[in-house]
Amino acid sequence: MSHKHESLLRTIFHDPISANIHWREIESLLHHLAAEIEPLSGARLRVKLNGVEGILHRPHHGNTLDKSAMRHLREYLAHARCTPSQYEQSHS
């Protein structure tokens, strides 16, 4: 994983939750992690990562995720076993 993606993963799980992460960075990270992404209606996306399927939402206004969307993304990545510590364990 590139330093940029590793840093982004840490930022996603850092408290307090950041509200200035751009959607294109999240999409880049998901592609890097080999997630399958399927557009649904509106701003919804079906994402499948490590066998875990979830629904994520692109930002409606602007291009950064709000804190609620960040919490949802964090929960999804945790279910898909993609936290910073789990990633480090699997790649050390």
N, C-alpha and C. Protein backbone atom coordinates (compact mmCIF):
# COMPACT_ATOMS: atom_id res chain seq x y z
N MET A 1 0.86 -1.18 0.00
CA MET A 1 0.00 0.00 0.00
C MET A 1 0.89 1.23 0.00
N SER A 2 0.52 2.19 -0.81
CA SER A 2 1.32 3.41 -0.86
C SER A 2 1.20 4.16 0.47
N HIS A 3 2.17 5.02 0.71
CA HIS A 3 2.15 5.82 1.93
C HIS A 3 0.88 6.67 1.98
N LYS A 4 0.46 7.19 0.83
CA LYS A 4 -0.74 8.03 0.76
C LYS A 4 -1.98 7.25 1.21
N HIS A 5 -2.15 6.01 0.72
CA HIS A 5 -3.31 5.21 1.10
C HIS A 5 -3.23 4.78 2.57
N GLU A 6 -2.04 4.46 3.01
CA GLU A 6 -1.85 4.07 4.42
C GLU A 6 -2.21 5.23 5.34
N SER A 7 -1.77 6.42 4.97
CA SER A 7 -2.06 7.62 5.75
C SER A 7 -3.57 7.90 5.76
N LEU A 8 -4.23 7.72 4.63
CA LEU A 8 -5.67 7.94 4.54
C LEU A 8 -6.42 6.95 5.44
N LEU A 9 -6.01 5.70 5.44
CA LEU A 9 -6.66 4.69 6.28
C LEU A 9 -6.53 5.08 7.75
N ARG A 10 -5.35 5.55 8.15
CA ARG A 10 -5.16 6.01 9.53
C ARG A 10 -6.07 7.21 9.84
N THR A 11 -6.17 8.14 8.89
CA THR A 11 -7.01 9.32 9.08
C THR A 11 -8.48 8.94 9.25
N ILE A 12 -8.94 7.96 8.48
CA ILE A 12 -10.34 7.52 8.57
C ILE A 12 -10.65 7.01 9.98
N PHE A 13 -9.70 6.32 10.60
CA PHE A 13 -9.94 5.73 11.91
C PHE A 13 -9.45 6.59 13.07
N HIS A 14 -8.95 7.79 12.77
CA HIS A 14 -8.43 8.68 13.81
C HIS A 14 -9.57 9.44 14.48
N ASP A 15 -9.47 9.61 15.79
CA ASP A 15 -10.43 10.46 16.52
C ASP A 15 -9.76 11.76 16.87
N PRO A 16 -10.45 12.89 16.80
CA PRO A 16 -11.82 13.04 16.36
C PRO A 16 -11.94 12.81 14.86
N ILE A 17 -13.14 12.45 14.43
CA ILE A 17 -13.40 12.14 13.02
C ILE A 17 -13.16 13.37 12.16
N SER A 18 -12.42 13.17 11.09
CA SER A 18 -12.15 14.26 10.15
C SER A 18 -13.34 14.43 9.22
N ALA A 19 -13.62 15.69 8.86
CA ALA A 19 -14.73 15.96 7.94
C ALA A 19 -14.21 16.63 6.68
N ASN A 20 -12.94 16.41 6.35
CA ASN A 20 -12.41 17.07 5.15
C ASN A 20 -11.70 16.09 4.23
N ILE A 21 -12.21 14.86 4.16
CA ILE A 21 -11.63 13.86 3.27
C ILE A 21 -12.44 13.85 1.99
N HIS A 22 -11.78 13.96 0.87
CA HIS A 22 -12.44 14.01 -0.42
C HIS A 22 -12.87 12.62 -0.87
N TRP A 23 -14.03 12.55 -1.52
CA TRP A 23 -14.56 11.28 -1.99
C TRP A 23 -13.60 10.59 -2.95
N ARG A 24 -12.93 11.35 -3.82
CA ARG A 24 -12.03 10.72 -4.80
C ARG A 24 -10.88 9.98 -4.08
N GLU A 25 -10.47 10.46 -2.91
CA GLU A 25 -9.44 9.76 -2.14
C GLU A 25 -9.98 8.44 -1.60
N ILE A 26 -11.23 8.44 -1.14
CA ILE A 26 -11.87 7.22 -0.63
C ILE A 26 -12.01 6.21 -1.77
N GLU A 27 -12.46 6.69 -2.93
CA GLU A 27 -12.62 5.80 -4.08
C GLU A 27 -11.28 5.20 -4.49
N SER A 28 -10.23 6.00 -4.48
CA SER A 28 -8.90 5.52 -4.82
C SER A 28 -8.45 4.44 -3.83
N LEU A 29 -8.70 4.66 -2.55
CA LEU A 29 -8.34 3.67 -1.53
C LEU A 29 -9.11 2.37 -1.75
N LEU A 30 -10.41 2.47 -2.00
CA LEU A 30 -11.22 1.26 -2.22
C LEU A 30 -10.73 0.48 -3.43
N HIS A 31 -10.41 1.18 -4.51
CA HIS A 31 -9.87 0.51 -5.70
C HIS A 31 -8.54 -0.16 -5.37
N HIS A 32 -7.70 0.53 -4.61
CA HIS A 32 -6.40 -0.02 -4.22
C HIS A 32 -6.56 -1.30 -3.39
N LEU A 33 -7.60 -1.32 -2.56
CA LEU A 33 -7.86 -2.50 -1.71
C LEU A 33 -8.58 -3.60 -2.48
N ALA A 34 -8.80 -3.38 -3.79
CA ALA A 34 -9.45 -4.35 -4.68
C ALA A 34 -10.93 -4.54 -4.36
N ALA A 35 -11.58 -3.47 -3.94
CA ALA A 35 -13.02 -3.52 -3.68
C ALA A 35 -13.77 -3.50 -5.01
N GLU A 36 -14.89 -4.22 -5.05
CA GLU A 36 -15.78 -4.16 -6.20
C GLU A 36 -16.78 -3.05 -5.92
N ILE A 37 -16.92 -2.11 -6.85
CA ILE A 37 -17.82 -0.98 -6.65
C ILE A 37 -18.86 -0.96 -7.77
N GLU A 38 -20.12 -0.94 -7.36
CA GLU A 38 -21.22 -0.94 -8.33
C GLU A 38 -22.14 0.25 -8.04
N PRO A 39 -22.30 1.15 -9.01
CA PRO A 39 -23.20 2.29 -8.80
C PRO A 39 -24.65 1.82 -8.68
N LEU A 40 -25.38 2.42 -7.75
CA LEU A 40 -26.81 2.16 -7.60
C LEU A 40 -27.53 3.47 -7.89
N SER A 41 -28.77 3.58 -7.53
CA SER A 41 -29.52 4.81 -7.80
C SER A 41 -28.99 5.96 -6.95
N GLY A 42 -29.07 7.15 -7.51
CA GLY A 42 -28.64 8.35 -6.79
C GLY A 42 -27.16 8.33 -6.47
N ALA A 43 -26.82 8.64 -5.24
CA ALA A 43 -25.43 8.73 -4.82
C ALA A 43 -24.96 7.44 -4.14
N ARG A 44 -25.77 6.39 -4.21
CA ARG A 44 -25.42 5.15 -3.52
C ARG A 44 -24.51 4.26 -4.35
N LEU A 45 -23.63 3.55 -3.64
CA LEU A 45 -22.73 2.59 -4.28
C LEU A 45 -22.75 1.30 -3.48
N ARG A 46 -22.81 0.18 -4.17
CA ARG A 46 -22.65 -1.11 -3.51
C ARG A 46 -21.16 -1.43 -3.56
N VAL A 47 -20.58 -1.70 -2.40
CA VAL A 47 -19.16 -1.99 -2.32
C VAL A 47 -18.98 -3.38 -1.71
N LYS A 48 -18.11 -4.17 -2.33
CA LYS A 48 -17.80 -5.49 -1.79
C LYS A 48 -16.29 -5.56 -1.60
N LEU A 49 -15.90 -5.79 -0.36
CA LEU A 49 -14.48 -5.81 0.01
C LEU A 49 -14.25 -6.95 0.99
N ASN A 50 -13.32 -7.83 0.68
CA ASN A 50 -13.01 -8.99 1.52
C ASN A 50 -14.27 -9.81 1.84
N GLY A 51 -15.17 -9.91 0.86
CA GLY A 51 -16.38 -10.71 1.04
C GLY A 51 -17.49 -10.00 1.81
N VAL A 52 -17.25 -8.76 2.21
CA VAL A 52 -18.25 -7.99 2.97
C VAL A 52 -18.88 -6.96 2.04
N GLU A 53 -20.20 -7.02 1.95
CA GLU A 53 -20.91 -6.09 1.07
C GLU A 53 -21.54 -4.98 1.90
N GLY A 54 -21.49 -3.77 1.38
CA GLY A 54 -22.10 -2.64 2.07
C GLY A 54 -22.53 -1.58 1.08
N ILE A 55 -23.30 -0.63 1.56
CA ILE A 55 -23.76 0.50 0.74
C ILE A 55 -23.09 1.76 1.27
N LEU A 56 -22.40 2.46 0.39
CA LEU A 56 -21.79 3.74 0.75
C LEU A 56 -22.46 4.82 -0.07
N HIS A 57 -22.38 6.05 0.41
CA HIS A 57 -23.00 7.18 -0.27
C HIS A 57 -21.95 8.21 -0.64
N ARG A 58 -21.96 8.63 -1.90
CA ARG A 58 -21.12 9.75 -2.31
C ARG A 58 -21.67 11.01 -1.65
N PRO A 59 -20.82 11.99 -1.41
CA PRO A 59 -21.31 13.25 -0.83
C PRO A 59 -22.34 13.91 -1.76
N HIS A 60 -23.39 14.47 -1.19
CA HIS A 60 -24.43 15.13 -1.97
C HIS A 60 -24.03 16.56 -2.34
N HIS A 61 -23.47 17.27 -1.40
CA HIS A 61 -23.09 18.67 -1.61
C HIS A 61 -21.59 18.78 -1.44
N GLY A 62 -20.91 19.22 -2.45
CA GLY A 62 -19.45 19.28 -2.38
C GLY A 62 -18.86 17.92 -2.65
N ASN A 63 -17.60 17.75 -2.31
CA ASN A 63 -16.96 16.47 -2.59
C ASN A 63 -16.23 15.89 -1.38
N THR A 64 -16.55 16.40 -0.18
CA THR A 64 -15.95 15.84 1.04
C THR A 64 -17.02 15.12 1.85
N LEU A 65 -16.60 14.10 2.59
CA LEU A 65 -17.54 13.33 3.42
C LEU A 65 -17.77 14.06 4.73
N ASP A 66 -19.03 14.09 5.18
CA ASP A 66 -19.31 14.67 6.49
C ASP A 66 -19.01 13.62 7.56
N LYS A 67 -19.14 14.03 8.82
CA LYS A 67 -18.77 13.12 9.92
C LYS A 67 -19.65 11.88 9.97
N SER A 68 -20.92 12.01 9.63
CA SER A 68 -21.81 10.85 9.62
C SER A 68 -21.37 9.84 8.55
N ALA A 69 -21.05 10.34 7.36
CA ALA A 69 -20.58 9.46 6.29
C ALA A 69 -19.24 8.83 6.65
N MET A 70 -18.40 9.58 7.34
CA MET A 70 -17.10 9.03 7.77
C MET A 70 -17.31 7.90 8.79
N ARG A 71 -18.25 8.08 9.72
CA ARG A 71 -18.54 7.02 10.69
C ARG A 71 -19.04 5.77 9.98
N HIS A 72 -19.91 5.96 9.00
CA HIS A 72 -20.45 4.83 8.23
C HIS A 72 -19.32 4.12 7.47
N LEU A 73 -18.43 4.89 6.84
CA LEU A 73 -17.29 4.32 6.12
C LEU A 73 -16.39 3.55 7.08
N ARG A 74 -16.13 4.13 8.24
CA ARG A 74 -15.28 3.49 9.25
C ARG A 74 -15.88 2.16 9.68
N GLU A 75 -17.19 2.13 9.93
CA GLU A 75 -17.85 0.88 10.33
C GLU A 75 -17.75 -0.17 9.23
N TYR A 76 -17.98 0.25 7.98
CA TYR A 76 -17.90 -0.70 6.87
C TYR A 76 -16.48 -1.27 6.75
N LEU A 77 -15.47 -0.41 6.77
CA LEU A 77 -14.09 -0.89 6.64
C LEU A 77 -13.72 -1.81 7.79
N ALA A 78 -14.21 -1.52 8.99
CA ALA A 78 -13.92 -2.39 10.14
C ALA A 78 -14.55 -3.78 9.93
N HIS A 79 -15.80 -3.82 9.44
CA HIS A 79 -16.45 -5.11 9.14
C HIS A 79 -15.69 -5.86 8.05
N ALA A 80 -15.11 -5.13 7.11
CA ALA A 80 -14.36 -5.75 6.01
C ALA A 80 -12.91 -6.05 6.39
N ARG A 81 -12.59 -5.87 7.65
CA ARG A 81 -11.24 -6.15 8.19
C ARG A 81 -10.18 -5.28 7.52
N CYS A 82 -10.47 -4.01 7.39
CA CYS A 82 -9.52 -3.06 6.79
C CYS A 82 -9.26 -1.89 7.72
N THR A 83 -8.89 -2.18 8.96
CA THR A 83 -8.49 -1.11 9.87
C THR A 83 -6.97 -0.97 9.75
N PRO A 84 -6.40 0.13 10.20
CA PRO A 84 -4.93 0.27 10.11
C PRO A 84 -4.19 -0.89 10.79
N SER A 85 -4.62 -1.29 11.97
CA SER A 85 -3.91 -2.38 12.68
C SER A 85 -4.06 -3.71 11.97
N GLN A 86 -5.27 -4.00 11.43
CA GLN A 86 -5.46 -5.25 10.70
C GLN A 86 -4.64 -5.26 9.41
N TYR A 87 -4.56 -4.13 8.75
CA TYR A 87 -3.77 -4.05 7.53
C TYR A 87 -2.29 -4.28 7.84
N GLU A 88 -1.79 -3.64 8.91
CA GLU A 88 -0.37 -3.80 9.28
C GLU A 88 -0.06 -5.25 9.64
N GLN A 89 -0.98 -5.91 10.38
CA GLN A 89 -0.76 -7.30 10.75
C GLN A 89 -0.69 -8.23 9.54
N SER A 90 -1.54 -7.98 8.57
CA SER A 90 -1.57 -8.87 7.41
C SER A 90 -0.44 -8.60 6.43
N HIS A 91 0.25 -7.47 6.58
CA HIS A 91 1.32 -7.13 5.64
C HIS A 91 2.67 -6.94 6.33
N SER A 92 2.84 -7.57 7.49
CA SER A 92 4.15 -7.46 8.15
C SER A 92 4.89 -8.77 8.13
